[in-house]
Amino acid sequence: MADVLDQSEVDALLSAVSDAPAVVEKQQTTIFTRRNIDPATLEIKNYDFKRPERVSKDQMRSLQTLHEAFARNFGASLSGFLRTIVEVRVANCEQMTYSEFISGLPNPTSFNLLRTDALEGQMCMEISPLIIYPIIDRLLGGNSQDLFIPQRPMTLIETRLISSVTNRGLAALSEAWAGVKQLAFTISATESNPQLVQIVPPNEVVVVVGFEVKMNNRAGTMNLCIPYNVIEPVVEDLSSQNWFAASQNQKSDTAAAQIAGTLTRAPLEVTGVLAETTITLADLMSMSPGDVITTEKTATTPIVLWVEGEKKFLASVGQYRGNRALRVVRAVGNDDRV
């Protein structure tokens, strides 16, 4: 028969266990590499394969700066269109999978698919009903004070009304992206249920830029979903240095072209002064039709051509197709005394 411990022996064993120092097992980190690396000197970061980061932080900052310019232009455009103050600002800019983006959207909502010929694939622009219906109410003459937000898809008339808002958003978006690449956005389709639209696989990485739209006492959200495979050809141009340098050069070239185009259409007053002389007031008052005013300038001497009050050219008097005409001889130099 096995020995049975009495109470005193059990107490002695328990006291011995409580007095023994605790042994902490150190977890051994194993690194699989071709080189011998000390785990103590190596910085290890957690990486979630479900949410991969394919766009660098520098490029994300450039995207946020780019869409902050879009928010300012879009807000100014809406303010002039709706005749009230509309504020649009960037709330967040992050990477996630397409399934996570779709699962966070309300149903129904205004879900617009954007397409551009310069890039392959489609983008998404979602506008919350919390701000869509106040905008529609404003367009129809209401004040949106006691407006009820219906939980239904938009009608054809409401879709047509809100298209004037989205078209202004596309124009502002094209202007914001002009520093990276000239893009002309168009709406290819509109859907009320985002669960029915799948432009990329569910686990595909997308960049989601969230906006907050405020109008009077109403506020709502707007989300712009940009799949990575769409902007992959231009993602290298999103680095801060390249993007700012390109935007400055393009801005200066575009501004110079616009100024030159405007100046070429500007009307100018051109005057040909045949001769100059002096006359007394008495002689001027006694003049009658048929009187001749003589000058010290001969008929063969070139006359001065004035452009907006400035002496610019010397010209000769002649006739062209039965009309009096002036032929430019040369420009007026600094040494000419005319």
C-alpha atoms as a PDB file:
ATOM      1  CA  MET A   1       0.000   0.000   0.000  1.00  0.00           C
ATOM      2  CA  ALA A   2       1.378   3.453  -0.961  1.00  0.00           C
ATOM      3  CA  ASP A   3       2.479   5.826   1.756  1.00  0.00           C
ATOM      4  CA  VAL A   4      -0.010   8.550   2.654  1.00  0.00           C
ATOM      5  CA  LEU A   5       1.300  11.992   3.695  1.00  0.00           C
ATOM      6  CA  ASP A   6      -0.007  13.395   6.923  1.00  0.00           C
ATOM      7  CA  GLN A   7      -0.979  17.072   7.376  1.00  0.00           C
ATOM      8  CA  SER A   8       2.392  18.159   8.725  1.00  0.00           C
ATOM      9  CA  GLU A   9       4.221  16.782   5.677  1.00  0.00           C
ATOM     10  CA  VAL A  10       1.762  18.479   3.284  1.00  0.00           C
ATOM     11  CA  ASP A  11       2.299  21.806   5.072  1.00  0.00           C
ATOM     12  CA  ALA A  12       6.072  21.399   4.826  1.00  0.00           C
ATOM     13  CA  LEU A  13       5.894  20.787   1.069  1.00  0.00           C
ATOM     14  CA  LEU A  14       3.677  23.845   0.513  1.00  0.00           C
ATOM     15  CA  SER A  15       6.009  26.093   2.488  1.00  0.00           C
ATOM     16  CA  ALA A  16       9.008  24.825   0.539  1.00  0.00           C
ATOM     17  CA  VAL A  17       7.303  25.624  -2.771  1.00  0.00           C
ATOM     18  CA  SER A  18       6.303  29.154  -1.667  1.00  0.00           C
ATOM     19  CA  ASP A  19       9.832  29.934  -0.460  1.00  0.00           C
ATOM     20  CA  ALA A  20      11.511  28.788  -3.700  1.00  0.00           C
ATOM     21  CA  PRO A  21      12.492  31.617  -6.119  1.00  0.00           C
ATOM     22  CA  ALA A  22      10.327  31.891  -9.212  1.00  0.00           C
ATOM     23  CA  VAL A  23      12.016  30.792 -12.401  1.00  0.00           C
ATOM     24  CA  VAL A  24      11.115  32.958 -15.392  1.00  0.00           C
ATOM     25  CA  GLU A  25      11.585  31.280 -18.694  1.00  0.00           C
ATOM     26  CA  LYS A  26      13.029  33.652 -21.270  1.00  0.00           C
ATOM     27  CA  GLN A  27      11.382  33.320 -24.620  1.00  0.00           C
ATOM     28  CA  GLN A  28      13.928  32.523 -27.268  1.00  0.00           C
ATOM     29  CA  THR A  29      13.525  34.529 -30.469  1.00  0.00           C
ATOM     30  CA  THR A  30      14.535  32.659 -33.575  1.00  0.00           C
ATOM     31  CA  ILE A  31      15.481  34.655 -36.677  1.00  0.00           C
ATOM     32  CA  PHE A  32      15.802  32.839 -39.953  1.00  0.00           C
ATOM     33  CA  THR A  33      18.383  34.639 -42.076  1.00  0.00           C
ATOM     34  CA  ARG A  34      21.545  33.970 -44.037  1.00  0.00           C
ATOM     35  CA  ARG A  35      23.568  36.188 -41.726  1.00  0.00           C
ATOM     36  CA  ASN A  36      24.181  35.823 -38.011  1.00  0.00           C
ATOM     37  CA  ILE A  37      22.159  38.613 -36.362  1.00  0.00           C
ATOM     38  CA  ASP A  38      21.938  39.222 -32.640  1.00  0.00           C
ATOM     39  CA  PRO A  39      18.222  39.416 -31.698  1.00  0.00           C
ATOM     40  CA  ALA A  40      19.064  41.888 -28.913  1.00  0.00           C
ATOM     41  CA  THR A  41      20.314  44.522 -31.400  1.00  0.00           C
ATOM     42  CA  LEU A  42      17.620  43.962 -34.017  1.00  0.00           C
ATOM     43  CA  GLU A  43      14.483  46.119 -34.169  1.00  0.00           C
ATOM     44  CA  ILE A  44      11.415  43.979 -34.803  1.00  0.00           C
ATOM     45  CA  LYS A  45       8.085  45.481 -35.866  1.00  0.00           C
ATOM     46  CA  ASN A  46       4.724  43.802 -36.013  1.00  0.00           C
ATOM     47  CA  TYR A  47       3.251  43.366 -39.480  1.00  0.00           C
ATOM     48  CA  ASP A  48      -0.350  42.516 -40.191  1.00  0.00           C
ATOM     49  CA  PHE A  49      -0.654  40.558 -43.434  1.00  0.00           C
ATOM     50  CA  LYS A  50      -4.373  41.309 -43.518  1.00  0.00           C
ATOM     51  CA  ARG A  51      -3.628  45.040 -43.795  1.00  0.00           C
ATOM     52  CA  PRO A  52      -0.438  45.436 -45.819  1.00  0.00           C
ATOM     53  CA  GLU A  53       1.029  48.911 -46.278  1.00  0.00           C
ATOM     54  CA  ARG A  54       1.961  49.230 -49.934  1.00  0.00           C
ATOM     55  CA  VAL A  55       2.075  53.031 -49.948  1.00  0.00           C
ATOM     56  CA  SER A  56       4.909  54.603 -47.959  1.00  0.00           C
ATOM     57  CA  LYS A  57       4.329  57.224 -45.284  1.00  0.00           C
ATOM     58  CA  ASP A  58       5.931  59.890 -47.466  1.00  0.00           C
ATOM     59  CA  GLN A  59       3.563  59.091 -50.301  1.00  0.00           C
ATOM     60  CA  MET A  60       0.597  59.044 -47.909  1.00  0.00           C
ATOM     61  CA  ARG A  61       1.525  62.539 -46.718  1.00  0.00           C
ATOM     62  CA  SER A  62       1.694  63.690 -50.329  1.00  0.00           C
ATOM     63  CA  LEU A  63      -1.738  62.179 -51.002  1.00  0.00           C
ATOM     64  CA  GLN A  64      -3.162  63.935 -47.964  1.00  0.00           C
ATOM     65  CA  THR A  65      -1.662  67.275 -49.027  1.00  0.00           C
ATOM     66  CA  LEU A  66      -2.982  66.779 -52.544  1.00  0.00           C
ATOM     67  CA  HIS A  67      -6.518  66.115 -51.338  1.00  0.00           C
ATOM     68  CA  GLU A  68      -6.400  68.998 -48.873  1.00  0.00           C
ATOM     69  CA  ALA A  69      -6.054  71.232 -51.924  1.00  0.00           C
ATOM     70  CA  PHE A  70      -8.985  69.360 -53.474  1.00  0.00           C
ATOM     71  CA  ALA A  71     -11.071  69.958 -50.330  1.00  0.00           C
ATOM     72  CA  ARG A  72     -10.402  73.700 -50.409  1.00  0.00           C
ATOM     73  CA  ASN A  73     -11.269  74.032 -54.098  1.00  0.00           C
ATOM     74  CA  PHE A  74     -14.352  71.821 -53.777  1.00  0.00           C
ATOM     75  CA  GLY A  75     -15.607  73.778 -50.771  1.00  0.00           C
ATOM     76  CA  ALA A  76     -15.154  77.094 -52.593  1.00  0.00           C
ATOM     77  CA  SER A  77     -16.944  75.739 -55.674  1.00  0.00           C
ATOM     78  CA  LEU A  78     -19.883  74.438 -53.619  1.00  0.00           C
ATOM     79  CA  SER A  79     -20.133  77.684 -51.673  1.00  0.00           C
ATOM     80  CA  GLY A  80     -20.553  79.662 -54.878  1.00  0.00           C
ATOM     81  CA  PHE A  81     -22.979  77.130 -56.352  1.00  0.00           C
ATOM     82  CA  LEU A  82     -25.230  76.795 -53.300  1.00  0.00           C
ATOM     83  CA  ARG A  83     -24.950  80.462 -52.241  1.00  0.00           C
ATOM     84  CA  THR A  84     -23.995  79.455 -48.714  1.00  0.00           C
ATOM     85  CA  ILE A  85     -20.818  78.619 -46.833  1.00  0.00           C
ATOM     86  CA  VAL A  86     -19.734  74.994 -47.359  1.00  0.00           C
ATOM     87  CA  GLU A  87     -16.663  73.689 -45.542  1.00  0.00           C
ATOM     88  CA  VAL A  88     -14.833  70.613 -46.792  1.00  0.00           C
ATOM     89  CA  ARG A  89     -11.798  69.290 -44.930  1.00  0.00           C
ATOM     90  CA  VAL A  90      -9.755  66.091 -44.871  1.00  0.00           C
ATOM     91  CA  ALA A  91     -10.665  63.996 -41.833  1.00  0.00           C
ATOM     92  CA  ASN A  92      -8.377  60.983 -42.369  1.00  0.00           C
ATOM     93  CA  CYS A  93      -6.151  59.321 -44.945  1.00  0.00           C
ATOM     94  CA  GLU A  94      -5.341  55.651 -44.414  1.00  0.00           C
ATOM     95  CA  GLN A  95      -4.740  52.307 -46.076  1.00  0.00           C
ATOM     96  CA  MET A  96      -7.091  49.365 -45.717  1.00  0.00           C
ATOM     97  CA  THR A  97      -8.543  46.501 -47.686  1.00  0.00           C
ATOM     98  CA  TYR A  98     -11.461  47.030 -50.020  1.00  0.00           C
ATOM     99  CA  SER A  99     -13.699  44.765 -47.937  1.00  0.00           C
ATOM    100  CA  GLU A 100     -13.056  46.893 -44.822  1.00  0.00           C
ATOM    101  CA  PHE A 101     -13.901  50.043 -46.751  1.00  0.00           C
ATOM    102  CA  ILE A 102     -17.174  48.620 -48.103  1.00  0.00           C
ATOM    103  CA  SER A 103     -18.253  47.215 -44.721  1.00  0.00           C
ATOM    104  CA  GLY A 104     -17.997  50.661 -43.124  1.00  0.00           C
ATOM    105  CA  LEU A 105     -20.328  52.401 -45.597  1.00  0.00           C
ATOM    106  CA  PRO A 106     -24.047  52.987 -44.973  1.00  0.00           C
ATOM    107  CA  ASN A 107     -26.767  51.498 -47.136  1.00  0.00           C
ATOM    108  CA  PRO A 108     -28.275  53.278 -49.014  1.00  0.00           C
ATOM    109  CA  THR A 109     -25.774  55.948 -49.976  1.00  0.00           C
ATOM    110  CA  SER A 110     -24.490  57.765 -53.061  1.00  0.00           C
ATOM    111  CA  PHE A 111     -21.758  55.494 -54.422  1.00  0.00           C
ATOM    112  CA  ASN A 112     -20.130  56.816 -57.615  1.00  0.00           C
ATOM    113  CA  LEU A 113     -17.565  54.992 -59.748  1.00  0.00           C
ATOM    114  CA  LEU A 114     -14.907  57.276 -61.241  1.00  0.00           C
ATOM    115  CA  ARG A 115     -12.937  56.501 -64.371  1.00  0.00           C
ATOM    116  CA  THR A 116     -10.101  58.272 -66.149  1.00  0.00           C
ATOM    117  CA  ASP A 117      -8.507  57.436 -69.484  1.00  0.00           C
ATOM    118  CA  ALA A 118      -4.981  58.080 -68.203  1.00  0.00           C
ATOM    119  CA  LEU A 119      -5.143  55.288 -65.576  1.00  0.00           C
ATOM    120  CA  GLU A 120      -6.484  51.755 -65.646  1.00  0.00           C
ATOM    121  CA  GLY A 121      -9.210  50.757 -63.216  1.00  0.00           C
ATOM    122  CA  GLN A 122     -11.816  52.713 -61.296  1.00  0.00           C
ATOM    123  CA  MET A 123     -12.004  54.823 -58.150  1.00  0.00           C
ATOM    124  CA  CYS A 124     -14.967  55.340 -55.820  1.00  0.00           C
ATOM    125  CA  MET A 125     -16.466  58.499 -54.390  1.00  0.00           C
ATOM    126  CA  GLU A 126     -19.101  57.964 -51.689  1.00  0.00           C
ATOM    127  CA  ILE A 127     -21.193  60.831 -50.307  1.00  0.00           C
ATOM    128  CA  SER A 128     -23.277  60.322 -47.167  1.00  0.00           C
ATOM    129  CA  PRO A 129     -27.056  60.893 -47.325  1.00  0.00           C
ATOM    130  CA  LEU A 130     -26.676  63.094 -44.223  1.00  0.00           C
ATOM    131  CA  ILE A 131     -25.258  65.852 -46.452  1.00  0.00           C
ATOM    132  CA  ILE A 132     -26.779  64.880 -49.809  1.00  0.00           C
ATOM    133  CA  TYR A 133     -30.392  65.543 -48.848  1.00  0.00           C
ATOM    134  CA  PRO A 134     -29.626  68.943 -47.223  1.00  0.00           C
ATOM    135  CA  ILE A 135     -27.864  69.927 -50.466  1.00  0.00           C
ATOM    136  CA  ILE A 136     -30.859  68.776 -52.525  1.00  0.00           C
ATOM    137  CA  ASP A 137     -33.189  70.667 -50.168  1.00  0.00           C
ATOM    138  CA  ARG A 138     -31.030  73.769 -50.622  1.00  0.00           C
ATOM    139  CA  LEU A 139     -31.141  73.436 -54.414  1.00  0.00           C
ATOM    140  CA  LEU A 140     -34.952  73.238 -54.276  1.00  0.00           C
ATOM    141  CA  GLY A 141     -35.269  76.378 -52.151  1.00  0.00           C
ATOM    142  CA  GLY A 142     -35.476  74.898 -48.640  1.00  0.00           C
ATOM    143  CA  ASN A 143     -33.511  75.840 -45.542  1.00  0.00           C
ATOM    144  CA  SER A 144     -32.916  72.244 -44.277  1.00  0.00           C
ATOM    145  CA  GLN A 145     -33.927  73.219 -40.729  1.00  0.00           C
ATOM    146  CA  ASP A 146     -36.419  70.412 -40.086  1.00  0.00           C
ATOM    147  CA  LEU A 147     -35.313  68.136 -42.902  1.00  0.00           C
ATOM    148  CA  PHE A 148     -36.011  64.406 -42.582  1.00  0.00           C
ATOM    149  CA  ILE A 149     -33.311  62.103 -43.983  1.00  0.00           C
ATOM    150  CA  PRO A 150     -35.120  59.249 -45.778  1.00  0.00           C
ATOM    151  CA  GLN A 151     -33.653  55.747 -45.649  1.00  0.00           C
ATOM    152  CA  ARG A 152     -34.144  54.922 -49.318  1.00  0.00           C
ATOM    153  CA  PRO A 153     -32.191  55.114 -52.578  1.00  0.00           C
ATOM    154  CA  MET A 154     -32.226  58.431 -54.400  1.00  0.00           C
ATOM    155  CA  THR A 155     -34.769  58.975 -57.126  1.00  0.00           C
ATOM    156  CA  LEU A 156     -33.826  59.884 -60.700  1.00  0.00           C
ATOM    157  CA  ILE A 157     -34.593  63.551 -60.067  1.00  0.00           C
ATOM    158  CA  GLU A 158     -32.466  63.596 -56.912  1.00  0.00           C
ATOM    159  CA  THR A 159     -29.648  61.820 -58.749  1.00  0.00           C
ATOM    160  CA  ARG A 160     -29.797  64.414 -61.504  1.00  0.00           C
ATOM    161  CA  LEU A 161     -29.712  67.251 -58.986  1.00  0.00           C
ATOM    162  CA  ILE A 162     -26.762  65.827 -57.080  1.00  0.00           C
ATOM    163  CA  SER A 163     -24.840  65.267 -60.341  1.00  0.00           C
ATOM    164  CA  SER A 164     -24.243  69.029 -60.513  1.00  0.00           C
ATOM    165  CA  VAL A 165     -22.430  68.698 -57.175  1.00  0.00           C
ATOM    166  CA  THR A 166     -20.380  65.631 -58.122  1.00  0.00           C
ATOM    167  CA  ASN A 167     -19.336  67.225 -61.435  1.00  0.00           C
ATOM    168  CA  ARG A 168     -17.862  70.144 -59.501  1.00  0.00           C
ATOM    169  CA  GLY A 169     -16.089  67.656 -57.288  1.00  0.00           C
ATOM    170  CA  LEU A 170     -14.576  65.922 -60.326  1.00  0.00           C
ATOM    171  CA  ALA A 171     -13.370  69.263 -61.701  1.00  0.00           C
ATOM    172  CA  ALA A 172     -11.708  70.098 -58.367  1.00  0.00           C
ATOM    173  CA  LEU A 173     -10.205  66.594 -58.213  1.00  0.00           C
ATOM    174  CA  SER A 174      -8.707  66.942 -61.693  1.00  0.00           C
ATOM    175  CA  GLU A 175      -7.238  70.294 -60.710  1.00  0.00           C
ATOM    176  CA  ALA A 176      -5.697  68.821 -57.555  1.00  0.00           C
ATOM    177  CA  TRP A 177      -4.128  65.890 -59.446  1.00  0.00           C
ATOM    178  CA  ALA A 178      -2.727  68.154 -62.175  1.00  0.00           C
ATOM    179  CA  GLY A 179       0.548  68.487 -60.248  1.00  0.00           C
ATOM    180  CA  VAL A 180       1.120  64.729 -60.527  1.00  0.00           C
ATOM    181  CA  LYS A 181      -0.604  63.835 -63.803  1.00  0.00           C
ATOM    182  CA  GLN A 182      -3.212  65.411 -66.035  1.00  0.00           C
ATOM    183  CA  LEU A 183      -6.392  63.428 -65.296  1.00  0.00           C
ATOM    184  CA  ALA A 184      -9.948  64.008 -66.476  1.00  0.00           C
ATOM    185  CA  PHE A 185     -12.399  62.164 -64.212  1.00  0.00           C
ATOM    186  CA  THR A 186     -15.848  60.995 -65.308  1.00  0.00           C
ATOM    187  CA  ILE A 187     -18.598  59.084 -63.498  1.00  0.00           C
ATOM    188  CA  SER A 188     -19.057  55.693 -65.116  1.00  0.00           C
ATOM    189  CA  ALA A 189     -21.822  54.366 -62.830  1.00  0.00           C
ATOM    190  CA  THR A 190     -23.843  55.251 -59.742  1.00  0.00           C
ATOM    191  CA  GLU A 191     -25.136  52.781 -57.133  1.00  0.00           C
ATOM    192  CA  SER A 192     -27.029  53.101 -53.857  1.00  0.00           C
ATOM    193  CA  ASN A 193     -25.882  49.806 -52.315  1.00  0.00           C
ATOM    194  CA  PRO A 194     -22.076  49.654 -52.052  1.00  0.00           C
ATOM    195  CA  GLN A 195     -22.182  45.917 -51.314  1.00  0.00           C
ATOM    196  CA  LEU A 196     -23.179  45.297 -54.937  1.00  0.00           C
ATOM    197  CA  VAL A 197     -20.086  46.995 -56.356  1.00  0.00           C
ATOM    198  CA  GLN A 198     -16.732  45.243 -56.477  1.00  0.00           C
ATOM    199  CA  ILE A 199     -14.098  47.089 -58.462  1.00  0.00           C
ATOM    200  CA  VAL A 200     -11.163  45.164 -56.938  1.00  0.00           C
ATOM    201  CA  PRO A 201     -10.805  41.915 -54.950  1.00  0.00           C
ATOM    202  CA  PRO A 202     -11.899  42.153 -51.288  1.00  0.00           C
ATOM    203  CA  ASN A 203      -8.338  41.825 -49.958  1.00  0.00           C
ATOM    204  CA  GLU A 204      -6.878  44.402 -52.345  1.00  0.00           C
ATOM    205  CA  VAL A 205      -5.187  47.414 -50.702  1.00  0.00           C
ATOM    206  CA  VAL A 206      -6.932  50.747 -51.205  1.00  0.00           C
ATOM    207  CA  VAL A 207      -6.185  54.273 -50.019  1.00  0.00           C
ATOM    208  CA  VAL A 208      -9.239  55.854 -48.413  1.00  0.00           C
ATOM    209  CA  VAL A 209      -9.370  59.631 -48.001  1.00  0.00           C
ATOM    210  CA  GLY A 210     -12.208  60.693 -45.701  1.00  0.00           C
ATOM    211  CA  PHE A 211     -13.700  64.187 -45.847  1.00  0.00           C
ATOM    212  CA  GLU A 212     -16.055  66.083 -43.574  1.00  0.00           C
ATOM    213  CA  VAL A 213     -18.577  68.331 -45.317  1.00  0.00           C
ATOM    214  CA  LYS A 214     -20.389  71.046 -43.331  1.00  0.00           C
ATOM    215  CA  MET A 215     -23.196  73.277 -44.580  1.00  0.00           C
ATOM    216  CA  ASN A 216     -25.002  75.564 -42.126  1.00  0.00           C
ATOM    217  CA  ASN A 217     -26.239  73.281 -39.315  1.00  0.00           C
ATOM    218  CA  ARG A 218     -25.782  70.069 -41.303  1.00  0.00           C
ATOM    219  CA  ALA A 219     -22.715  67.870 -41.634  1.00  0.00           C
ATOM    220  CA  GLY A 220     -21.870  64.642 -43.404  1.00  0.00           C
ATOM    221  CA  THR A 221     -18.976  62.598 -44.716  1.00  0.00           C
ATOM    222  CA  MET A 222     -17.492  61.925 -48.112  1.00  0.00           C
ATOM    223  CA  ASN A 223     -15.017  59.136 -48.884  1.00  0.00           C
ATOM    224  CA  LEU A 224     -12.684  58.772 -51.827  1.00  0.00           C
ATOM    225  CA  CYS A 225     -11.441  55.210 -52.387  1.00  0.00           C
ATOM    226  CA  ILE A 226      -8.323  54.866 -54.557  1.00  0.00           C
ATOM    227  CA  PRO A 227      -7.190  51.267 -55.283  1.00  0.00           C
ATOM    228  CA  TYR A 228      -3.441  50.822 -55.227  1.00  0.00           C
ATOM    229  CA  ASN A 229      -3.344  49.134 -58.631  1.00  0.00           C
ATOM    230  CA  VAL A 230      -4.942  52.255 -60.139  1.00  0.00           C
ATOM    231  CA  ILE A 231      -2.319  54.741 -58.903  1.00  0.00           C
ATOM    232  CA  GLU A 232       0.598  52.286 -59.076  1.00  0.00           C
ATOM    233  CA  PRO A 233       1.953  53.826 -62.346  1.00  0.00           C
ATOM    234  CA  VAL A 234       2.185  57.269 -60.712  1.00  0.00           C
ATOM    235  CA  VAL A 235       2.863  56.280 -57.098  1.00  0.00           C
ATOM    236  CA  GLU A 236       6.582  57.035 -57.455  1.00  0.00           C
ATOM    237  CA  ASP A 237       5.746  60.618 -58.447  1.00  0.00           C
ATOM    238  CA  LEU A 238       3.938  61.126 -55.140  1.00  0.00           C
ATOM    239  CA  SER A 239       7.120  61.561 -53.133  1.00  0.00           C
ATOM    240  CA  SER A 240       7.277  65.050 -51.667  1.00  0.00           C
ATOM    241  CA  GLN A 241      10.331  66.369 -53.509  1.00  0.00           C
ATOM    242  CA  ASN A 242       9.369  65.106 -56.961  1.00  0.00           C
ATOM    243  CA  TRP A 243       5.738  66.108 -56.556  1.00  0.00           C
ATOM    244  CA  PHE A 244       6.382  69.648 -55.301  1.00  0.00           C
ATOM    245  CA  ALA A 245       9.071  70.259 -57.927  1.00  0.00           C
ATOM    246  CA  ALA A 246       6.815  69.010 -60.719  1.00  0.00           C
ATOM    247  CA  SER A 247       3.837  70.998 -59.466  1.00  0.00           C
ATOM    248  CA  GLN A 248       5.896  74.213 -59.291  1.00  0.00           C
ATOM    249  CA  ASN A 249       7.311  73.784 -62.802  1.00  0.00           C
ATOM    250  CA  GLN A 250       3.955  72.830 -64.246  1.00  0.00           C
ATOM    251  CA  LYS A 251       2.258  75.661 -62.417  1.00  0.00           C
ATOM    252  CA  SER A 252       4.696  78.223 -63.814  1.00  0.00           C
ATOM    253  CA  ASP A 253       4.447  76.846 -67.357  1.00  0.00           C
ATOM    254  CA  THR A 254       0.659  76.681 -67.170  1.00  0.00           C
ATOM    255  CA  ALA A 255       0.408  80.191 -65.754  1.00  0.00           C
ATOM    256  CA  ALA A 256       2.708  81.562 -68.458  1.00  0.00           C
ATOM    257  CA  ALA A 257       0.650  79.853 -71.178  1.00  0.00           C
ATOM    258  CA  GLN A 258      -2.606  81.185 -69.736  1.00  0.00           C
ATOM    259  CA  ILE A 259      -1.253  84.730 -69.440  1.00  0.00           C
ATOM    260  CA  ALA A 260       0.132  84.612 -72.981  1.00  0.00           C
ATOM    261  CA  GLY A 261      -3.166  83.290 -74.340  1.00  0.00           C
ATOM    262  CA  THR A 262      -5.098  86.034 -72.578  1.00  0.00           C
ATOM    263  CA  LEU A 263      -2.743  88.786 -73.739  1.00  0.00           C
ATOM    264  CA  THR A 264      -2.957  87.723 -77.379  1.00  0.00           C
ATOM    265  CA  ARG A 265      -6.730  88.327 -77.287  1.00  0.00           C
ATOM    266  CA  ALA A 266      -6.462  91.733 -75.585  1.00  0.00           C
ATOM    267  CA  PRO A 267      -7.596  94.641 -77.863  1.00  0.00           C
ATOM    268  CA  LEU A 268      -5.161  97.527 -78.391  1.00  0.00           C
ATOM    269  CA  GLU A 269      -5.744 101.020 -79.778  1.00  0.00           C
ATOM    270  CA  VAL A 270      -3.429 101.899 -82.682  1.00  0.00           C
ATOM    271  CA  THR A 271      -3.178 105.517 -83.863  1.00  0.00           C
ATOM    272  CA  GLY A 272      -1.226 106.972 -86.776  1.00  0.00           C
ATOM    273  CA  VAL A 273      -0.205 110.608 -86.222  1.00  0.00           C
ATOM    274  CA  LEU A 274       0.313 112.251 -89.612  1.00  0.00           C
ATOM    275  CA  ALA A 275       1.852 115.504 -88.311  1.00  0.00           C
ATOM    276  CA  GLU A 276       1.811 117.913 -85.418  1.00  0.00           C
ATOM    277  CA  THR A 277       1.603 121.711 -85.430  1.00  0.00           C
ATOM    278  CA  THR A 278       0.475 124.616 -83.278  1.00  0.00           C
ATOM    279  CA  ILE A 279      -2.326 127.081 -83.897  1.00  0.00           C
ATOM    280  CA  THR A 280      -3.735 130.013 -81.990  1.00  0.00           C
ATOM    281  CA  LEU A 281      -7.178 129.914 -80.506  1.00  0.00           C
ATOM    282  CA  ALA A 282      -8.256 132.852 -82.661  1.00  0.00           C
ATOM    283  CA  ASP A 283      -7.228 131.033 -85.854  1.00  0.00           C
ATOM    284  CA  LEU A 284      -9.025 127.897 -84.643  1.00  0.00           C
ATOM    285  CA  MET A 285     -12.244 129.815 -84.022  1.00  0.00           C
ATOM    286  CA  SER A 286     -12.113 131.461 -87.445  1.00  0.00           C
ATOM    287  CA  MET A 287     -11.616 128.219 -89.347  1.00  0.00           C
ATOM    288  CA  SER A 288     -14.227 127.131 -91.863  1.00  0.00           C
ATOM    289  CA  PRO A 289     -14.648 124.183 -94.255  1.00  0.00           C
ATOM    290  CA  GLY A 290     -12.024 124.252 -96.992  1.00  0.00           C
ATOM    291  CA  ASP A 291      -9.263 125.856 -94.921  1.00  0.00           C
ATOM    292  CA  VAL A 292      -5.831 124.202 -95.163  1.00  0.00           C
ATOM    293  CA  ILE A 293      -3.542 123.614 -92.183  1.00  0.00           C
ATOM    294  CA  THR A 294       0.116 123.504 -93.174  1.00  0.00           C
ATOM    295  CA  THR A 295       2.811 121.682 -91.203  1.00  0.00           C
ATOM    296  CA  GLU A 296       6.581 121.558 -91.386  1.00  0.00           C
ATOM    297  CA  LYS A 297       6.466 117.821 -92.242  1.00  0.00           C
ATOM    298  CA  THR A 298       6.639 116.653 -95.840  1.00  0.00           C
ATOM    299  CA  ALA A 299       4.248 114.026 -97.228  1.00  0.00           C
ATOM    300  CA  THR A 300       7.074 111.556 -97.885  1.00  0.00           C
ATOM    301  CA  THR A 301       8.339 111.583 -94.294  1.00  0.00           C
ATOM    302  CA  PRO A 302       7.322 108.480 -92.254  1.00  0.00           C
ATOM    303  CA  ILE A 303       4.656 109.077 -89.675  1.00  0.00           C
ATOM    304  CA  VAL A 304       4.624 107.817 -86.088  1.00  0.00           C
ATOM    305  CA  LEU A 305       2.428 104.832 -85.167  1.00  0.00           C
ATOM    306  CA  TRP A 306       1.210 104.959 -81.561  1.00  0.00           C
ATOM    307  CA  VAL A 307       0.063 101.837 -79.647  1.00  0.00           C
ATOM    308  CA  GLU A 308      -1.901 102.619 -76.488  1.00  0.00           C
ATOM    309  CA  GLY A 309      -0.303 106.074 -76.297  1.00  0.00           C
ATOM    310  CA  GLU A 310       3.273 104.806 -76.787  1.00  0.00           C
ATOM    311  CA  LYS A 311       5.423 105.495 -79.864  1.00  0.00           C
ATOM    312  CA  LYS A 312       6.200 102.072 -81.312  1.00  0.00           C
ATOM    313  CA  PHE A 313       6.700 102.168 -85.104  1.00  0.00           C
ATOM    314  CA  LEU A 314       7.434 104.429 -88.067  1.00  0.00           C
ATOM    315  CA  ALA A 315       5.057 103.918 -90.995  1.00  0.00           C
ATOM    316  CA  SER A 316       4.424 105.280 -94.475  1.00  0.00           C
ATOM    317  CA  VAL A 317       1.031 106.455 -95.714  1.00  0.00           C
ATOM    318  CA  GLY A 318      -0.494 104.596 -98.639  1.00  0.00           C
ATOM    319  CA  GLN A 319      -3.575 102.895-100.009  1.00  0.00           C
ATOM    320  CA  TYR A 320      -4.637  99.233 -99.831  1.00  0.00           C
ATOM    321  CA  ARG A 321      -7.705  97.907-101.672  1.00  0.00           C
ATOM    322  CA  GLY A 322      -9.184 101.338-101.902  1.00  0.00           C
ATOM    323  CA  ASN A 323      -8.657 102.199 -98.210  1.00  0.00           C
ATOM    324  CA  ARG A 324      -6.132 104.442 -96.540  1.00  0.00           C
ATOM    325  CA  ALA A 325      -3.430 102.309 -94.988  1.00  0.00           C
ATOM    326  CA  LEU A 326      -0.180 102.533 -93.038  1.00  0.00           C
ATOM    327  CA  ARG A 327       2.793 100.304 -93.809  1.00  0.00           C
ATOM    328  CA  VAL A 328       5.175  99.708 -90.913  1.00  0.00           C
ATOM    329  CA  VAL A 329       8.709 100.679 -91.863  1.00  0.00           C
ATOM    330  CA  ARG A 330      10.591  99.941 -88.667  1.00  0.00           C
ATOM    331  CA  ALA A 331      10.327 100.108 -84.895  1.00  0.00           C
ATOM    332  CA  VAL A 332      11.043 103.311 -83.047  1.00  0.00           C
ATOM    333  CA  GLY A 333      14.475 103.156 -81.465  1.00  0.00           C
ATOM    334  CA  ASN A 334      15.737 104.780 -78.323  1.00  0.00           C
ATOM    335  CA  ASP A 335      17.800 107.308 -80.334  1.00  0.00           C
ATOM    336  CA  ASP A 336      14.934 108.356 -82.622  1.00  0.00           C
ATOM    337  CA  ARG A 337      13.649 111.901 -82.079  1.00  0.00           C
ATOM    338  CA  VAL A 338      10.097 111.678 -83.327  1.00  0.00           C
END
